[in-house]
N, C-alpha and C. Protein backbone atom coordinates (compact mmCIF):
# COMPACT_ATOMS: atom_id res chain seq x y z
N MET A 1 0.85 -1.17 0.00
CA MET A 1 0.00 0.00 0.00
C MET A 1 0.89 1.24 0.00
N LYS A 2 0.55 2.21 -0.83
CA LYS A 2 1.34 3.43 -0.91
C LYS A 2 1.17 4.26 0.37
N THR A 3 2.14 5.12 0.61
CA THR A 3 2.13 5.96 1.80
C THR A 3 0.89 6.85 1.84
N SER A 4 0.51 7.44 0.71
CA SER A 4 -0.66 8.32 0.70
C SER A 4 -1.94 7.54 1.02
N ALA A 5 -2.04 6.31 0.56
CA ALA A 5 -3.21 5.48 0.86
C ALA A 5 -3.24 5.13 2.35
N LYS A 6 -2.08 4.84 2.92
CA LYS A 6 -2.01 4.55 4.36
C LYS A 6 -2.44 5.76 5.18
N ILE A 7 -2.01 6.92 4.75
CA ILE A 7 -2.39 8.15 5.46
C ILE A 7 -3.90 8.36 5.38
N LEU A 8 -4.48 8.15 4.21
CA LEU A 8 -5.93 8.31 4.05
C LEU A 8 -6.71 7.31 4.90
N VAL A 9 -6.26 6.07 4.93
CA VAL A 9 -6.91 5.04 5.75
C VAL A 9 -6.79 5.42 7.23
N GLY A 10 -5.62 5.88 7.63
CA GLY A 10 -5.41 6.30 9.02
C GLY A 10 -6.30 7.47 9.41
N LEU A 11 -6.40 8.45 8.52
CA LEU A 11 -7.28 9.60 8.79
C LEU A 11 -8.74 9.18 8.85
N GLY A 12 -9.14 8.30 7.96
CA GLY A 12 -10.51 7.79 7.97
C GLY A 12 -10.82 7.06 9.28
N ALA A 13 -9.89 6.23 9.72
CA ALA A 13 -10.07 5.50 10.98
C ALA A 13 -10.15 6.48 12.16
N LEU A 14 -9.32 7.50 12.11
CA LEU A 14 -9.33 8.51 13.17
C LEU A 14 -10.68 9.23 13.23
N LEU A 15 -11.24 9.56 12.07
CA LEU A 15 -12.55 10.21 12.03
C LEU A 15 -13.65 9.30 12.57
N VAL A 16 -13.57 8.03 12.26
CA VAL A 16 -14.57 7.08 12.77
C VAL A 16 -14.47 6.99 14.29
N VAL A 17 -13.27 6.86 14.82
CA VAL A 17 -13.08 6.78 16.27
C VAL A 17 -13.53 8.09 16.94
N ALA A 18 -13.28 9.21 16.29
CA ALA A 18 -13.65 10.52 16.85
C ALA A 18 -15.15 10.64 17.07
N GLN A 19 -15.94 9.92 16.30
CA GLN A 19 -17.40 10.00 16.46
C GLN A 19 -17.86 9.48 17.81
N ALA A 20 -17.06 8.63 18.44
CA ALA A 20 -17.42 8.07 19.74
C ALA A 20 -17.12 9.03 20.89
N ILE A 21 -16.32 10.05 20.62
CA ILE A 21 -15.94 11.01 21.66
C ILE A 21 -16.86 12.22 21.54
N ARG A 22 -17.85 12.27 22.40
CA ARG A 22 -18.87 13.32 22.35
C ARG A 22 -18.57 14.41 23.37
N PRO A 23 -18.73 15.67 22.98
CA PRO A 23 -18.55 16.75 23.95
C PRO A 23 -19.74 16.82 24.90
N MET A 24 -19.54 17.49 26.02
CA MET A 24 -20.66 17.76 26.93
C MET A 24 -21.64 18.65 26.18
N SER A 25 -22.91 18.41 26.34
CA SER A 25 -23.87 19.26 25.64
C SER A 25 -24.53 20.23 26.61
N ASN A 26 -24.98 21.32 26.07
CA ASN A 26 -25.59 22.42 26.81
C ASN A 26 -27.11 22.31 26.67
N ARG A 27 -27.70 21.34 27.35
CA ARG A 27 -29.13 21.07 27.20
C ARG A 27 -29.90 21.25 28.50
N GLY A 28 -29.69 22.38 29.16
CA GLY A 28 -30.43 22.69 30.37
C GLY A 28 -31.70 23.45 30.03
N THR A 29 -32.13 24.28 30.96
CA THR A 29 -33.31 25.11 30.72
C THR A 29 -32.89 26.57 30.68
N VAL A 30 -33.57 27.34 29.87
CA VAL A 30 -33.27 28.76 29.75
C VAL A 30 -33.70 29.49 31.01
N ALA A 31 -34.95 29.32 31.39
CA ALA A 31 -35.55 30.12 32.46
C ALA A 31 -35.46 29.42 33.81
N GLY A 32 -34.26 29.18 34.27
CA GLY A 32 -34.07 28.58 35.58
C GLY A 32 -34.13 29.63 36.68
N PRO A 33 -33.70 29.27 37.87
CA PRO A 33 -33.81 30.18 39.02
C PRO A 33 -32.93 31.42 38.93
N ASN A 34 -31.92 31.41 38.06
CA ASN A 34 -31.01 32.56 37.95
C ASN A 34 -31.19 33.36 36.66
N HIS A 35 -32.29 33.13 35.96
CA HIS A 35 -32.53 33.82 34.69
C HIS A 35 -32.72 35.32 34.92
N LEU A 36 -32.33 36.09 33.94
CA LEU A 36 -32.48 37.55 33.98
C LEU A 36 -33.90 37.98 34.34
N ALA A 37 -34.89 37.25 33.90
CA ALA A 37 -36.30 37.62 34.16
C ALA A 37 -36.62 37.64 35.65
N LYS A 38 -35.78 37.04 36.49
CA LYS A 38 -36.00 37.10 37.94
C LYS A 38 -35.68 38.49 38.48
N LEU A 39 -34.90 39.28 37.73
CA LEU A 39 -34.54 40.63 38.14
C LEU A 39 -35.36 41.71 37.45
N ALA A 40 -35.67 41.48 36.19
CA ALA A 40 -36.37 42.50 35.40
C ALA A 40 -37.25 41.80 34.37
N PRO A 41 -38.38 42.41 34.04
CA PRO A 41 -39.28 41.78 33.08
C PRO A 41 -38.66 41.67 31.68
N VAL A 42 -38.97 40.57 31.03
CA VAL A 42 -38.55 40.36 29.64
C VAL A 42 -39.83 40.23 28.82
N PRO A 43 -40.20 41.30 28.09
CA PRO A 43 -41.43 41.24 27.29
C PRO A 43 -41.40 40.08 26.30
N ALA A 44 -42.58 39.57 25.96
CA ALA A 44 -42.69 38.40 25.08
C ALA A 44 -41.98 38.61 23.75
N GLU A 45 -42.10 39.81 23.16
CA GLU A 45 -41.45 40.04 21.86
C GLU A 45 -39.93 40.05 22.00
N VAL A 46 -39.41 40.51 23.12
CA VAL A 46 -37.96 40.48 23.36
C VAL A 46 -37.53 39.03 23.60
N GLU A 47 -38.29 38.30 24.40
CA GLU A 47 -37.98 36.89 24.67
C GLU A 47 -37.92 36.09 23.37
N ALA A 48 -38.83 36.37 22.45
CA ALA A 48 -38.85 35.66 21.16
C ALA A 48 -37.56 35.94 20.38
N VAL A 49 -37.10 37.18 20.38
CA VAL A 49 -35.86 37.53 19.69
C VAL A 49 -34.67 36.87 20.38
N LEU A 50 -34.64 36.92 21.71
CA LEU A 50 -33.54 36.29 22.45
C LEU A 50 -33.48 34.79 22.16
N GLN A 51 -34.63 34.13 22.15
CA GLN A 51 -34.66 32.69 21.87
C GLN A 51 -34.14 32.39 20.47
N ARG A 52 -34.54 33.19 19.52
CA ARG A 52 -34.18 32.93 18.13
C ARG A 52 -32.73 33.29 17.81
N ALA A 53 -32.21 34.35 18.44
CA ALA A 53 -30.92 34.88 18.02
C ALA A 53 -29.80 34.81 19.07
N CYS A 54 -30.14 34.53 20.32
CA CYS A 54 -29.12 34.64 21.38
C CYS A 54 -28.93 33.39 22.24
N TYR A 55 -30.02 32.73 22.59
CA TYR A 55 -29.95 31.69 23.61
C TYR A 55 -29.11 30.47 23.24
N ASP A 56 -28.93 30.17 21.97
CA ASP A 56 -28.12 29.00 21.63
C ASP A 56 -26.70 29.11 22.20
N CYS A 57 -26.16 30.32 22.24
CA CYS A 57 -24.80 30.52 22.76
C CYS A 57 -24.77 31.22 24.11
N HIS A 58 -25.87 31.85 24.50
CA HIS A 58 -25.86 32.67 25.72
C HIS A 58 -26.91 32.25 26.73
N SER A 59 -27.15 30.95 26.86
CA SER A 59 -28.05 30.42 27.89
C SER A 59 -27.62 28.99 28.19
N ASN A 60 -28.34 28.36 29.10
CA ASN A 60 -28.04 26.97 29.44
C ASN A 60 -28.80 25.98 28.58
N ALA A 61 -29.40 26.45 27.49
CA ALA A 61 -30.21 25.57 26.63
C ALA A 61 -29.92 25.84 25.17
N THR A 62 -29.07 25.03 24.59
CA THR A 62 -28.72 25.16 23.18
C THR A 62 -29.56 24.18 22.36
N THR A 63 -30.10 24.67 21.25
CA THR A 63 -30.74 23.79 20.28
C THR A 63 -29.68 23.47 19.24
N TYR A 64 -29.20 22.25 19.26
CA TYR A 64 -28.10 21.88 18.38
C TYR A 64 -28.60 21.50 16.99
N PRO A 65 -27.88 21.95 15.94
CA PRO A 65 -28.22 21.52 14.58
C PRO A 65 -27.75 20.08 14.37
N TRP A 66 -28.23 19.46 13.32
CA TRP A 66 -27.88 18.06 13.04
C TRP A 66 -26.38 17.84 12.92
N TYR A 67 -25.67 18.82 12.36
CA TYR A 67 -24.24 18.64 12.11
C TYR A 67 -23.41 18.71 13.40
N ALA A 68 -24.03 19.03 14.53
CA ALA A 68 -23.31 19.01 15.81
C ALA A 68 -22.97 17.59 16.22
N ASN A 69 -23.60 16.61 15.59
CA ASN A 69 -23.32 15.20 15.89
C ASN A 69 -22.12 14.67 15.13
N ILE A 70 -21.53 15.48 14.27
CA ILE A 70 -20.37 15.07 13.48
C ILE A 70 -19.13 15.70 14.10
N GLN A 71 -18.20 14.83 14.52
CA GLN A 71 -16.96 15.32 15.11
C GLN A 71 -15.93 15.51 13.99
N PRO A 72 -15.14 16.52 14.01
CA PRO A 72 -14.84 17.46 15.09
C PRO A 72 -15.74 18.71 15.10
N ILE A 73 -16.75 18.78 14.24
CA ILE A 73 -17.63 19.95 14.23
C ILE A 73 -18.30 20.12 15.59
N GLY A 74 -18.78 19.04 16.18
CA GLY A 74 -19.43 19.10 17.49
C GLY A 74 -18.52 19.67 18.57
N TRP A 75 -17.24 19.30 18.52
CA TRP A 75 -16.29 19.82 19.50
C TRP A 75 -16.15 21.33 19.34
N TRP A 76 -16.03 21.77 18.08
CA TRP A 76 -15.89 23.20 17.81
C TRP A 76 -17.13 23.96 18.29
N LEU A 77 -18.32 23.43 17.98
CA LEU A 77 -19.55 24.09 18.40
C LEU A 77 -19.64 24.17 19.92
N GLU A 78 -19.29 23.10 20.60
CA GLU A 78 -19.37 23.10 22.06
C GLU A 78 -18.42 24.12 22.66
N GLN A 79 -17.23 24.25 22.09
CA GLN A 79 -16.28 25.27 22.56
C GLN A 79 -16.84 26.67 22.31
N HIS A 80 -17.48 26.85 21.18
CA HIS A 80 -18.08 28.14 20.83
C HIS A 80 -19.20 28.49 21.82
N VAL A 81 -20.03 27.53 22.17
CA VAL A 81 -21.11 27.74 23.14
C VAL A 81 -20.52 28.07 24.51
N ARG A 82 -19.51 27.32 24.94
CA ARG A 82 -18.88 27.59 26.24
C ARG A 82 -18.32 29.00 26.28
N ASP A 83 -17.69 29.42 25.19
CA ASP A 83 -17.12 30.76 25.12
C ASP A 83 -18.23 31.82 25.18
N GLY A 84 -19.32 31.58 24.46
CA GLY A 84 -20.45 32.52 24.49
C GLY A 84 -21.04 32.64 25.88
N LYS A 85 -21.19 31.52 26.58
CA LYS A 85 -21.74 31.54 27.94
C LYS A 85 -20.78 32.21 28.91
N ARG A 86 -19.49 32.09 28.66
CA ARG A 86 -18.51 32.75 29.52
C ARG A 86 -18.66 34.26 29.43
N HIS A 87 -18.97 34.75 28.23
CA HIS A 87 -19.15 36.19 28.03
C HIS A 87 -20.48 36.68 28.57
N LEU A 88 -21.55 35.92 28.35
CA LEU A 88 -22.89 36.30 28.80
C LEU A 88 -23.77 35.06 28.84
N ASN A 89 -24.39 34.84 30.00
CA ASN A 89 -25.30 33.71 30.14
C ASN A 89 -26.59 34.22 30.78
N PHE A 90 -27.63 34.38 29.96
CA PHE A 90 -28.90 34.88 30.46
C PHE A 90 -29.50 33.94 31.52
N SER A 91 -29.19 32.66 31.44
CA SER A 91 -29.72 31.68 32.40
C SER A 91 -29.09 31.80 33.78
N GLU A 92 -27.93 32.44 33.88
CA GLU A 92 -27.22 32.59 35.16
C GLU A 92 -27.07 34.05 35.54
N PHE A 93 -27.88 34.91 34.98
CA PHE A 93 -27.70 36.35 35.10
C PHE A 93 -27.77 36.86 36.54
N THR A 94 -28.63 36.28 37.36
CA THR A 94 -28.77 36.79 38.74
C THR A 94 -27.54 36.49 39.59
N THR A 95 -26.63 35.65 39.11
CA THR A 95 -25.41 35.37 39.85
C THR A 95 -24.34 36.43 39.61
N TYR A 96 -24.57 37.33 38.66
CA TYR A 96 -23.59 38.36 38.33
C TYR A 96 -23.59 39.46 39.39
N SER A 97 -22.43 40.07 39.59
CA SER A 97 -22.35 41.25 40.45
C SER A 97 -23.06 42.40 39.76
N LEU A 98 -23.38 43.44 40.51
CA LEU A 98 -24.03 44.63 39.93
C LEU A 98 -23.20 45.18 38.78
N LYS A 99 -21.92 45.30 39.00
CA LYS A 99 -21.03 45.86 37.97
C LYS A 99 -21.05 45.00 36.70
N ARG A 100 -20.93 43.70 36.87
CA ARG A 100 -20.90 42.81 35.70
C ARG A 100 -22.25 42.78 34.99
N ALA A 101 -23.33 42.72 35.75
CA ALA A 101 -24.67 42.66 35.16
C ALA A 101 -24.97 43.90 34.31
N THR A 102 -24.68 45.07 34.87
CA THR A 102 -24.97 46.29 34.11
C THR A 102 -24.04 46.42 32.91
N LYS A 103 -22.80 45.98 33.06
CA LYS A 103 -21.85 46.02 31.94
C LYS A 103 -22.30 45.08 30.82
N LYS A 104 -22.78 43.90 31.16
CA LYS A 104 -23.23 42.93 30.15
C LYS A 104 -24.43 43.46 29.37
N LEU A 105 -25.34 44.12 30.05
CA LEU A 105 -26.49 44.70 29.34
C LEU A 105 -26.07 45.87 28.47
N GLU A 106 -25.12 46.66 28.94
CA GLU A 106 -24.57 47.75 28.13
C GLU A 106 -23.90 47.19 26.87
N GLU A 107 -23.11 46.14 27.04
CA GLU A 107 -22.45 45.50 25.90
C GLU A 107 -23.46 44.89 24.94
N THR A 108 -24.51 44.29 25.48
CA THR A 108 -25.55 43.70 24.63
C THR A 108 -26.15 44.76 23.73
N ALA A 109 -26.53 45.89 24.30
CA ALA A 109 -27.12 46.98 23.51
C ALA A 109 -26.15 47.44 22.43
N ALA A 110 -24.90 47.66 22.80
CA ALA A 110 -23.91 48.17 21.84
C ALA A 110 -23.62 47.14 20.74
N GLU A 111 -23.44 45.88 21.10
CA GLU A 111 -23.08 44.87 20.12
C GLU A 111 -24.22 44.58 19.15
N VAL A 112 -25.44 44.66 19.63
CA VAL A 112 -26.59 44.47 18.74
C VAL A 112 -26.71 45.67 17.79
N ARG A 113 -26.58 46.88 18.34
CA ARG A 113 -26.66 48.09 17.49
C ARG A 113 -25.58 48.10 16.41
N GLU A 114 -24.39 47.62 16.77
CA GLU A 114 -23.25 47.65 15.85
C GLU A 114 -23.18 46.40 14.96
N HIS A 115 -24.22 45.58 14.99
CA HIS A 115 -24.32 44.36 14.18
C HIS A 115 -23.19 43.37 14.47
N GLU A 116 -22.66 43.41 15.69
CA GLU A 116 -21.63 42.45 16.09
C GLU A 116 -22.24 41.16 16.63
N MET A 117 -23.48 41.26 17.10
CA MET A 117 -24.22 40.11 17.60
C MET A 117 -25.60 40.12 16.97
N PRO A 118 -26.15 38.98 16.64
CA PRO A 118 -25.50 37.68 16.62
C PRO A 118 -24.35 37.66 15.60
N LEU A 119 -23.40 36.79 15.85
CA LEU A 119 -22.22 36.70 14.98
C LEU A 119 -22.61 36.38 13.55
N PRO A 120 -21.92 36.98 12.58
CA PRO A 120 -22.20 36.65 11.18
C PRO A 120 -22.05 35.16 10.88
N SER A 121 -21.11 34.49 11.52
CA SER A 121 -20.94 33.04 11.29
C SER A 121 -22.16 32.27 11.78
N TYR A 122 -22.85 32.79 12.79
CA TYR A 122 -24.06 32.14 13.30
C TYR A 122 -25.24 32.41 12.37
N THR A 123 -25.41 33.65 11.96
CA THR A 123 -26.56 33.98 11.10
C THR A 123 -26.40 33.37 9.70
N TRP A 124 -25.16 33.08 9.30
CA TRP A 124 -24.95 32.43 8.01
C TRP A 124 -25.55 31.02 8.03
N MET A 125 -25.36 30.33 9.15
CA MET A 125 -25.89 28.97 9.27
C MET A 125 -27.32 28.95 9.82
N HIS A 126 -27.73 30.05 10.45
CA HIS A 126 -29.07 30.17 11.05
C HIS A 126 -29.70 31.49 10.60
N PRO A 127 -30.14 31.56 9.35
CA PRO A 127 -30.66 32.83 8.83
C PRO A 127 -31.84 33.38 9.63
N GLU A 128 -32.56 32.52 10.33
CA GLU A 128 -33.69 32.98 11.15
C GLU A 128 -33.22 33.83 12.33
N ALA A 129 -31.94 33.78 12.66
CA ALA A 129 -31.40 34.56 13.77
C ALA A 129 -31.00 35.97 13.35
N LYS A 130 -31.02 36.24 12.06
CA LYS A 130 -30.68 37.58 11.57
C LYS A 130 -31.73 38.56 12.08
N LEU A 131 -31.27 39.69 12.62
CA LEU A 131 -32.18 40.67 13.21
C LEU A 131 -32.54 41.76 12.20
N SER A 132 -33.81 42.11 12.19
CA SER A 132 -34.27 43.24 11.37
C SER A 132 -33.89 44.53 12.10
N ASP A 133 -34.00 45.66 11.42
CA ASP A 133 -33.71 46.94 12.06
C ASP A 133 -34.63 47.16 13.26
N ALA A 134 -35.90 46.78 13.12
CA ALA A 134 -36.85 46.94 14.23
C ALA A 134 -36.46 46.06 15.42
N GLU A 135 -36.00 44.84 15.14
CA GLU A 135 -35.58 43.94 16.23
C GLU A 135 -34.30 44.43 16.90
N ILE A 136 -33.41 45.00 16.12
CA ILE A 136 -32.19 45.58 16.69
C ILE A 136 -32.55 46.69 17.65
N LYS A 137 -33.44 47.57 17.22
CA LYS A 137 -33.88 48.67 18.09
C LYS A 137 -34.58 48.13 19.32
N LEU A 138 -35.47 47.17 19.14
CA LEU A 138 -36.21 46.57 20.26
C LEU A 138 -35.24 45.99 21.29
N LEU A 139 -34.30 45.19 20.84
CA LEU A 139 -33.37 44.52 21.74
C LEU A 139 -32.41 45.51 22.41
N ALA A 140 -31.89 46.46 21.64
CA ALA A 140 -30.97 47.44 22.20
C ALA A 140 -31.67 48.34 23.22
N ASP A 141 -32.87 48.79 22.89
CA ASP A 141 -33.63 49.63 23.83
C ASP A 141 -33.98 48.85 25.09
N TRP A 142 -34.39 47.60 24.92
CA TRP A 142 -34.72 46.76 26.07
C TRP A 142 -33.48 46.58 26.96
N ALA A 143 -32.33 46.29 26.37
CA ALA A 143 -31.10 46.08 27.15
C ALA A 143 -30.73 47.35 27.91
N THR A 144 -30.87 48.50 27.27
CA THR A 144 -30.56 49.77 27.92
C THR A 144 -31.50 50.02 29.10
N ASN A 145 -32.79 49.84 28.88
CA ASN A 145 -33.77 50.06 29.95
C ASN A 145 -33.63 49.02 31.06
N THR A 146 -33.35 47.79 30.70
CA THR A 146 -33.18 46.72 31.69
C THR A 146 -31.93 46.95 32.51
N ARG A 147 -30.92 47.53 31.91
CA ARG A 147 -29.69 47.86 32.64
C ARG A 147 -30.02 48.74 33.84
N ARG A 148 -30.88 49.72 33.63
CA ARG A 148 -31.28 50.60 34.73
C ARG A 148 -32.04 49.81 35.80
N ALA A 149 -32.99 48.98 35.38
CA ALA A 149 -33.81 48.20 36.33
C ALA A 149 -32.95 47.21 37.11
N VAL A 150 -32.01 46.57 36.44
CA VAL A 150 -31.14 45.61 37.10
C VAL A 150 -30.23 46.33 38.10
N GLY A 151 -29.76 47.50 37.73
CA GLY A 151 -28.94 48.29 38.64
C GLY A 151 -29.68 48.60 39.93
N VAL A 152 -30.95 48.93 39.82
CA VAL A 152 -31.77 49.20 41.00
C VAL A 152 -31.98 47.91 41.80
N ALA A 153 -32.34 46.82 41.12
CA ALA A 153 -32.63 45.55 41.80
C ALA A 153 -31.40 45.00 42.52
N LEU A 154 -30.25 45.05 41.86
CA LEU A 154 -29.04 44.47 42.46
C LEU A 154 -28.40 45.36 43.51
N SER A 155 -28.74 46.65 43.52
CA SER A 155 -28.17 47.53 44.53
C SER A 155 -29.06 47.63 45.76
N ALA A 156 -30.21 46.94 45.73
CA ALA A 156 -31.12 46.94 46.89
C ALA A 156 -30.46 46.21 48.06
N PRO A 157 -30.80 46.60 49.28
CA PRO A 157 -30.22 45.92 50.46
C PRO A 157 -30.49 44.41 50.41
N GLY A 158 -29.50 43.65 50.81
CA GLY A 158 -29.64 42.20 50.84
C GLY A 158 -29.23 41.52 49.54
N LYS A 159 -28.81 42.27 48.56
CA LYS A 159 -28.39 41.69 47.27
C LYS A 159 -26.88 41.66 47.17
């Protein structure tokens, strides 16, 4: 067998074995005890946008596409979700300090307005997550107003 054929067989075997190594999945619930809605109201129209465009990477409940079952794509996606949750996790929002919570809402408003979120790589694969101008305004205004409400809630005595 030629060297190139051996390499191809080896790579093929490696890919088959890789399918057995599954990453941890992010399949919890969005609205748990630490969800942002415990601090400030999330209107239904905002919640719908968050579910469609944000929660896959920024909550404890990811809806995985079919190709997440193919390794190494699944590993890459899981790392991407972990990174997104590290930056902002709506499901764990009440665990944030006042400073971090208000900063995250400020960043949310700015990143949505500047078309930095949702990521272009995400909207390319999930066109339904692309935000209209009206949705951008809705989400940015909500984040700005919620920032004020969260600041009041988290600065209350006992928090």
